[in-house]
Every structure is written in structure tokens, then in C-alpha cells.
Amino acid sequence: MGLSRPGAVDTPIIQGYKDRGMADSMKAKVIGNKLTQPEQVADAIYLMPLEETSAINGSVVMADEGYASFK
């Protein structure tokens, strides 16, 4: 099981893109038309070791607001 690289996560690392007015362009590339929040990535990671997810094996979890599916 692996966690993929998320799409545009709204963290300080993308501030340069936001300063250049590129946030709307980044949002337009995902299904929800919003930047992924860090808490959403943390939630996906939190779920993986739970007993309730024990049937998930060898999967990639896409925490990217649909970026990989939408482009």
C-alpha cells in the first residue's frame, strides 16, 4: 500500500504560485475546484493502519482531489 504524491496542497510551499495568481489555475485542474488541505492528506494517512481498512492491500491512495483522474 502506498500514498501517492498529492496534488496541489495548500501549504506555504505553493505560496509563490499563489503570489503569481496561479491558484485558480491549480484549482481548475481538480474535480473539487479547490486546493487540497493538509488535514485531508493527514486523514488519508491516518486511516491506513486502522483495522477497519485491513482489506486494503497493495493499493495506491490518491489524495489529490481527483487531479490524476481529471487531467
Protein backbone atom coordinates (compact mmCIF):
# COMPACT_ATOMS: atom_id res chain seq x y z
CA MET A 1 0.00 0.00 0.00
CA GLY A 2 1.35 3.43 -0.85
CA LEU A 3 0.25 7.01 -0.65
CA SER A 4 0.65 8.93 -3.87
CA ARG A 5 2.04 12.40 -4.17
CA PRO A 6 -0.92 14.66 -3.54
CA GLY A 7 -1.98 17.33 -5.97
CA ALA A 8 -1.63 20.98 -5.01
CA VAL A 9 -1.73 21.02 -1.22
CA ASP A 10 -2.45 24.41 0.31
CA THR A 11 0.78 24.80 2.27
CA PRO A 12 3.42 27.54 2.35
CA ILE A 13 5.45 25.70 -0.30
CA ILE A 14 2.98 26.81 -3.02
CA GLN A 15 2.83 30.44 -1.85
CA GLY A 16 4.95 31.55 -4.82
CA TYR A 17 2.34 30.14 -7.20
CA LYS A 18 -0.43 31.88 -5.28
CA ASP A 19 1.51 35.17 -5.34
CA ARG A 20 1.71 34.87 -9.13
CA GLY A 21 -2.07 34.48 -9.36
CA MET A 22 -1.86 30.80 -10.29
CA ALA A 23 -4.13 29.44 -7.54
CA ASP A 24 -7.23 29.48 -9.74
CA SER A 25 -5.35 27.58 -12.45
CA MET A 26 -4.25 25.00 -9.92
CA LYS A 27 -7.79 24.64 -8.57
CA ALA A 28 -9.20 24.22 -12.09
CA LYS A 29 -7.15 21.04 -12.54
CA VAL A 30 -9.04 19.10 -9.87
CA ILE A 31 -12.61 17.87 -9.57
CA GLY A 32 -13.49 19.86 -6.44
CA ASN A 33 -12.04 23.11 -7.84
CA LYS A 34 -10.12 23.63 -4.60
CA LEU A 35 -6.66 23.10 -3.23
CA THR A 36 -6.17 20.03 -1.07
CA GLN A 37 -5.88 20.92 2.59
CA PRO A 38 -3.05 19.38 4.63
CA GLU A 39 -5.61 17.90 7.01
CA GLN A 40 -7.14 15.93 4.13
CA VAL A 41 -3.79 14.27 3.40
CA ALA A 42 -3.32 13.56 7.11
CA ASP A 43 -6.80 11.99 7.27
CA ALA A 44 -5.95 9.62 4.40
CA ILE A 45 -2.71 8.60 6.10
CA TYR A 46 -4.47 8.17 9.45
CA LEU A 47 -6.95 5.66 8.00
CA MET A 48 -4.42 3.27 6.51
CA PRO A 49 -3.21 1.46 9.66
CA LEU A 50 -6.71 1.06 11.14
CA GLU A 51 -8.09 -2.45 11.50
CA GLU A 52 -11.17 -1.33 9.56
CA THR A 53 -9.01 -0.82 6.46
CA SER A 54 -7.24 -4.19 6.71
CA ALA A 55 -8.74 -5.34 3.39
CA ILE A 56 -6.79 -2.63 1.54
CA ASN A 57 -3.52 -4.15 0.37
CA GLY A 58 -1.11 -3.11 -2.34
CA SER A 59 -3.16 -0.07 -3.30
CA VAL A 60 -2.28 3.48 -4.11
CA VAL A 61 -4.43 6.01 -2.31
CA MET A 62 -4.84 9.14 -4.40
CA ALA A 63 -5.03 12.12 -2.04
CA ASP A 64 -5.15 14.63 -4.87
CA GLU A 65 -8.73 15.99 -5.16
CA GLY A 66 -9.08 13.99 -8.37
CA TYR A 67 -6.06 15.52 -10.12
CA ALA A 68 -4.81 12.23 -11.59
CA SER A 69 -8.30 11.26 -12.75
CA PHE A 70 -9.35 14.67 -14.02
CA LYS A 71 -6.41 15.75 -16.17
